[in-house]
């Protein structure tokens, strides 16, 4: 149960980080470091959501 709470907390943190990173993206000519950070965050988010679903099953 404690692991589930930690994963839920991390999911929320990642949602915030993804939103903030998207806000930093320029409307034109996306900068590669920002895009790479966003992709890494989204990948981690997917892994965390998958683990949450596994624990709830």
PDB file of N, CA and C in Angstrom:
ATOM      1  N   UNK A   1       0.828  -1.201   0.000  1.00  0.00           N
ATOM      2  CA  UNK A   1       0.000   0.000   0.000  1.00  0.00           C
ATOM      3  C   UNK A   1       0.872   1.266   0.000  1.00  0.00           C
ATOM      4  N   UNK A   2       1.969   1.203   0.736  1.00  0.00           N
ATOM      5  CA  UNK A   2       2.878   2.356   0.805  1.00  0.00           C
ATOM      6  C   UNK A   2       3.501   2.622  -0.566  1.00  0.00           C
ATOM      7  N   UNK A   3       3.825   1.552  -1.277  1.00  0.00           N
ATOM      8  CA  UNK A   3       4.403   1.692  -2.617  1.00  0.00           C
ATOM      9  C   UNK A   3       3.390   2.341  -3.562  1.00  0.00           C
ATOM     10  N   UNK A   4       2.132   1.967  -3.436  1.00  0.00           N
ATOM     11  CA  UNK A   4       1.089   2.550  -4.273  1.00  0.00           C
ATOM     12  C   UNK A   4       0.969   4.049  -4.008  1.00  0.00           C
ATOM     13  N   UNK A   5       1.015   4.440  -2.752  1.00  0.00           N
ATOM     14  CA  UNK A   5       0.940   5.863  -2.409  1.00  0.00           C
ATOM     15  C   UNK A   5       2.132   6.626  -2.992  1.00  0.00           C
ATOM     16  N   UNK A   6       3.308   6.016  -2.907  1.00  0.00           N
ATOM     17  CA  UNK A   6       4.509   6.664  -3.446  1.00  0.00           C
ATOM     18  C   UNK A   6       4.397   6.818  -4.964  1.00  0.00           C
ATOM     19  N   UNK A   7       3.870   5.792  -5.626  1.00  0.00           N
ATOM     20  CA  UNK A   7       3.707   5.872  -7.075  1.00  0.00           C
ATOM     21  C   UNK A   7       2.661   6.911  -7.460  1.00  0.00           C
ATOM     22  N   UNK A   8       1.579   6.985  -6.717  1.00  0.00           N
ATOM     23  CA  UNK A   8       0.546   8.000  -6.980  1.00  0.00           C
ATOM     24  C   UNK A   8       1.131   9.402  -6.816  1.00  0.00           C
ATOM     25  N   UNK A   9       1.949   9.582  -5.797  1.00  0.00           N
ATOM     26  CA  UNK A   9       2.587  10.879  -5.563  1.00  0.00           C
ATOM     27  C   UNK A   9       3.534  11.221  -6.720  1.00  0.00           C
ATOM     28  N   UNK A  10       4.304  10.236  -7.157  1.00  0.00           N
ATOM     29  CA  UNK A  10       5.237  10.469  -8.264  1.00  0.00           C
ATOM     30  C   UNK A  10       4.473  10.786  -9.550  1.00  0.00           C
ATOM     31  N   UNK A  11       3.334  10.117  -9.758  1.00  0.00           N
ATOM     32  CA  UNK A  11       2.502  10.390 -10.930  1.00  0.00           C
ATOM     33  C   UNK A  11       2.064  11.852 -10.950  1.00  0.00           C
ATOM     34  N   UNK A  12       1.629  12.346  -9.799  1.00  0.00           N
ATOM     35  CA  UNK A  12       1.203  13.744  -9.700  1.00  0.00           C
ATOM     36  C   UNK A  12       2.368  14.698  -9.968  1.00  0.00           C
ATOM     37  N   UNK A  13       3.538  14.357  -9.420  1.00  0.00           N
ATOM     38  CA  UNK A  13       4.720  15.191  -9.647  1.00  0.00           C
ATOM     39  C   UNK A  13       5.077  15.229 -11.129  1.00  0.00           C
ATOM     40  N   UNK A  14       5.004  14.062 -11.773  1.00  0.00           N
ATOM     41  CA  UNK A  14       5.322  13.998 -13.191  1.00  0.00           C
ATOM     42  C   UNK A  14       4.328  14.794 -14.022  1.00  0.00           C
ATOM     43  N   UNK A  15       3.052  14.720 -13.660  1.00  0.00           N
ATOM     44  CA  UNK A  15       2.045  15.518 -14.371  1.00  0.00           C
ATOM     45  C   UNK A  15       2.397  17.000 -14.306  1.00  0.00           C
ATOM     46  N   UNK A  16       2.796  17.463 -13.129  1.00  0.00           N
ATOM     47  CA  UNK A  16       3.184  18.867 -12.962  1.00  0.00           C
ATOM     48  C   UNK A  16       4.428  19.198 -13.790  1.00  0.00           C
ATOM     49  N   UNK A  17       5.421  18.311 -13.730  1.00  0.00           N
ATOM     50  CA  UNK A  17       6.660  18.549 -14.472  1.00  0.00           C
ATOM     51  C   UNK A  17       6.408  18.556 -15.981  1.00  0.00           C
ATOM     52  N   UNK A  18       5.556  17.659 -16.458  1.00  0.00           N
ATOM     53  CA  UNK A  18       5.234  17.617 -17.881  1.00  0.00           C
ATOM     54  C   UNK A  18       4.522  18.905 -18.295  1.00  0.00           C
ATOM     55  N   UNK A  19       3.570  19.335 -17.488  1.00  0.00           N
ATOM     56  CA  UNK A  19       2.852  20.575 -17.798  1.00  0.00           C
ATOM     57  C   UNK A  19       3.818  21.765 -17.849  1.00  0.00           C
ATOM     58  N   UNK A  20       4.713  21.860 -16.861  1.00  0.00           N
ATOM     59  CA  UNK A  20       5.666  22.969 -16.813  1.00  0.00           C
ATOM     60  C   UNK A  20       6.619  22.925 -18.005  1.00  0.00           C
ATOM     61  N   UNK A  21       7.047  21.731 -18.377  1.00  0.00           N
ATOM     62  CA  UNK A  21       7.965  21.598 -19.510  1.00  0.00           C
ATOM     63  C   UNK A  21       7.272  21.999 -20.803  1.00  0.00           C
ATOM     64  N   UNK A  22       6.013  21.590 -20.965  1.00  0.00           N
ATOM     65  CA  UNK A  22       5.264  21.977 -22.167  1.00  0.00           C
ATOM     66  C   UNK A  22       5.089  23.489 -22.242  1.00  0.00           C
ATOM     67  N   UNK A  23       4.937  24.129 -21.094  1.00  0.00           N
ATOM     68  CA  UNK A  23       4.796  25.588 -21.074  1.00  0.00           C
ATOM     69  C   UNK A  23       6.087  26.273 -21.502  1.00  0.00           C
ATOM     70  N   UNK A  24       7.225  25.611 -21.295  1.00  0.00           N
ATOM     71  CA  UNK A  24       8.515  26.189 -21.677  1.00  0.00           C
ATOM     72  C   UNK A  24       8.824  26.002 -23.156  1.00  0.00           C
ATOM     73  N   UNK A  25       8.066  25.130 -23.824  1.00  0.00           N
ATOM     74  CA  UNK A  25       8.311  24.908 -25.250  1.00  0.00           C
ATOM     75  C   UNK A  25       7.933  26.155 -26.039  1.00  0.00           C
ATOM     76  N   UNK A  26       8.820  26.622 -26.880  1.00  0.00           N
ATOM     77  CA  UNK A  26       8.471  27.771 -27.715  1.00  0.00           C
ATOM     78  C   UNK A  26       7.453  27.357 -28.775  1.00  0.00           C
ATOM     79  N   UNK A  27       6.698  28.308 -29.232  1.00  0.00           N
ATOM     80  CA  UNK A  27       5.681  28.022 -30.245  1.00  0.00           C
ATOM     81  C   UNK A  27       6.331  27.560 -31.553  1.00  0.00           C
ATOM     82  N   UNK A  28       7.535  28.039 -31.825  1.00  0.00           N
ATOM     83  CA  UNK A  28       8.248  27.685 -33.052  1.00  0.00           C
ATOM     84  C   UNK A  28       9.654  27.227 -32.696  1.00  0.00           C
ATOM     85  N   UNK A  29      10.224  26.447 -33.540  1.00  0.00           N
ATOM     86  CA  UNK A  29      11.603  25.944 -33.399  1.00  0.00           C
ATOM     87  C   UNK A  29      11.886  25.410 -31.987  1.00  0.00           C
ATOM     88  N   UNK A  30      11.342  24.241 -31.725  1.00  0.00           N
ATOM     89  CA  UNK A  30      11.513  23.580 -30.434  1.00  0.00           C
ATOM     90  C   UNK A  30      12.978  23.291 -30.169  1.00  0.00           C
ATOM     91  N   UNK A  31      13.409  23.550 -28.955  1.00  0.00           N
ATOM     92  CA  UNK A  31      14.790  23.315 -28.569  1.00  0.00           C
ATOM     93  C   UNK A  31      14.964  21.837 -28.177  1.00  0.00           C
ATOM     94  N   UNK A  32      15.973  21.165 -28.731  1.00  0.00           N
ATOM     95  CA  UNK A  32      16.169  19.734 -28.463  1.00  0.00           C
ATOM     96  C   UNK A  32      16.289  19.356 -26.984  1.00  0.00           C
ATOM     97  N   UNK A  33      17.021  20.109 -26.155  1.00  0.00           N
ATOM     98  CA  UNK A  33      17.116  19.696 -24.745  1.00  0.00           C
ATOM     99  C   UNK A  33      15.756  19.697 -24.029  1.00  0.00           C
ATOM    100  N   UNK A  34      14.926  20.654 -24.340  1.00  0.00           N
ATOM    101  CA  UNK A  34      13.600  20.714 -23.705  1.00  0.00           C
ATOM    102  C   UNK A  34      12.744  19.562 -24.206  1.00  0.00           C
ATOM    103  N   UNK A  35      12.831  19.279 -25.494  1.00  0.00           N
ATOM    104  CA  UNK A  35      12.050  18.189 -26.066  1.00  0.00           C
ATOM    105  C   UNK A  35      12.494  16.848 -25.483  1.00  0.00           C
ATOM    106  N   UNK A  36      13.787  16.653 -25.329  1.00  0.00           N
ATOM    107  CA  UNK A  36      14.309  15.405 -24.747  1.00  0.00           C
ATOM    108  C   UNK A  36      13.848  15.264 -23.300  1.00  0.00           C
ATOM    109  N   UNK A  37      13.864  16.347 -22.552  1.00  0.00           N
ATOM    110  CA  UNK A  37      13.395  16.305 -21.163  1.00  0.00           C
ATOM    111  C   UNK A  37      11.919  15.924 -21.121  1.00  0.00           C
ATOM    112  N   UNK A  38      11.138  16.490 -22.010  1.00  0.00           N
ATOM    113  CA  UNK A  38       9.712  16.185 -22.063  1.00  0.00           C
ATOM    114  C   UNK A  38       9.486  14.711 -22.395  1.00  0.00           C
ATOM    115  N   UNK A  39      10.209  14.200 -23.368  1.00  0.00           N
ATOM    116  CA  UNK A  39      10.061  12.792 -23.737  1.00  0.00           C
ATOM    117  C   UNK A  39      10.452  11.870 -22.585  1.00  0.00           C
ATOM    118  N   UNK A  40      11.514  12.208 -21.868  1.00  0.00           N
ATOM    119  CA  UNK A  40      11.928  11.411 -20.706  1.00  0.00           C
ATOM    120  C   UNK A  40      10.854  11.421 -19.622  1.00  0.00           C
ATOM    121  N   UNK A  41      10.281  12.579 -19.359  1.00  0.00           N
ATOM    122  CA  UNK A  41       9.224  12.688 -18.356  1.00  0.00           C
ATOM    123  C   UNK A  41       7.997  11.873 -18.758  1.00  0.00           C
ATOM    124  N   UNK A  42       7.639  11.951 -20.023  1.00  0.00           N
ATOM    125  CA  UNK A  42       6.473  11.198 -20.497  1.00  0.00           C
ATOM    126  C   UNK A  42       6.712   9.697 -20.429  1.00  0.00           C
ATOM    127  N   UNK A  43       7.939   9.268 -20.726  1.00  0.00           N
ATOM    128  CA  UNK A  43       8.270   7.841 -20.616  1.00  0.00           C
ATOM    129  C   UNK A  43       8.166   7.371 -19.168  1.00  0.00           C
ATOM    130  N   UNK A  44       8.711   8.156 -18.257  1.00  0.00           N
ATOM    131  CA  UNK A  44       8.631   7.790 -16.842  1.00  0.00           C
ATOM    132  C   UNK A  44       7.181   7.770 -16.370  1.00  0.00           C
ATOM    133  N   UNK A  45       6.399   8.743 -16.821  1.00  0.00           N
ATOM    134  CA  UNK A  45       4.981   8.809 -16.459  1.00  0.00           C
ATOM    135  C   UNK A  45       4.267   7.523 -16.888  1.00  0.00           C
ATOM    136  N   UNK A  46       4.531   7.085 -18.110  1.00  0.00           N
ATOM    137  CA  UNK A  46       3.907   5.854 -18.601  1.00  0.00           C
ATOM    138  C   UNK A  46       4.298   4.650 -17.747  1.00  0.00           C
ATOM    139  N   UNK A  47       5.571   4.566 -17.359  1.00  0.00           N
ATOM    140  CA  UNK A  47       6.025   3.451 -16.512  1.00  0.00           C
ATOM    141  C   UNK A  47       5.338   3.480 -15.148  1.00  0.00           C
ATOM    142  N   UNK A  48       5.209   4.663 -14.572  1.00  0.00           N
ATOM    143  CA  UNK A  48       4.579   4.792 -13.257  1.00  0.00           C
ATOM    144  C   UNK A  48       3.103   4.417 -13.332  1.00  0.00           C
ATOM    145  N   UNK A  49       2.412   4.890 -14.348  1.00  0.00           N
ATOM    146  CA  UNK A  49       0.988   4.566 -14.508  1.00  0.00           C
ATOM    147  C   UNK A  49       0.814   3.059 -14.680  1.00  0.00           C
ATOM    148  N   UNK A  50       1.693   2.440 -15.442  1.00  0.00           N
ATOM    149  CA  UNK A  50       1.623   0.988 -15.657  1.00  0.00           C
ATOM    150  C   UNK A  50       1.805   0.238 -14.331  1.00  0.00           C
ATOM    151  N   UNK A  51       2.777   0.673 -13.519  1.00  0.00           N
ATOM    152  CA  UNK A  51       2.999   0.037 -12.219  1.00  0.00           C
ATOM    153  C   UNK A  51       1.802   0.216 -11.305  1.00  0.00           C
ATOM    154  N   UNK A  52       1.184   1.388 -11.336  1.00  0.00           N
ATOM    155  CA  UNK A  52      -0.007   1.651 -10.513  1.00  0.00           C
ATOM    156  C   UNK A  52      -1.110   0.677 -10.901  1.00  0.00           C
ATOM    157  N   UNK A  53      -1.331   0.527 -12.197  1.00  0.00           N
ATOM    158  CA  UNK A  53      -2.385  -0.391 -12.667  1.00  0.00           C
ATOM    159  C   UNK A  53      -2.085  -1.831 -12.250  1.00  0.00           C
ATOM    160  N   UNK A  54      -0.809  -2.212 -12.306  1.00  0.00           N
ATOM    161  CA  UNK A  54      -0.440  -3.565 -11.903  1.00  0.00           C
ATOM    162  C   UNK A  54      -0.696  -3.799 -10.417  1.00  0.00           C
ATOM    163  N   UNK A  55      -0.378  -2.813  -9.598  1.00  0.00           N
ATOM    164  CA  UNK A  55      -0.588  -2.956  -8.164  1.00  0.00           C
ATOM    165  C   UNK A  55      -2.069  -2.971  -7.796  1.00  0.00           C
ATOM    166  N   UNK A  56      -2.871  -2.259  -8.563  1.00  0.00           N
ATOM    167  CA  UNK A  56      -4.314  -2.216  -8.269  1.00  0.00           C
ATOM    168  C   UNK A  56      -5.031  -3.475  -8.751  1.00  0.00           C
ATOM    169  N   UNK A  57      -4.404  -4.215  -9.658  1.00  0.00           N
ATOM    170  CA  UNK A  57      -5.057  -5.425 -10.196  1.00  0.00           C
ATOM    171  C   UNK A  57      -4.951  -6.592  -9.239  1.00  0.00           C
TER     172      UNK A  57
END
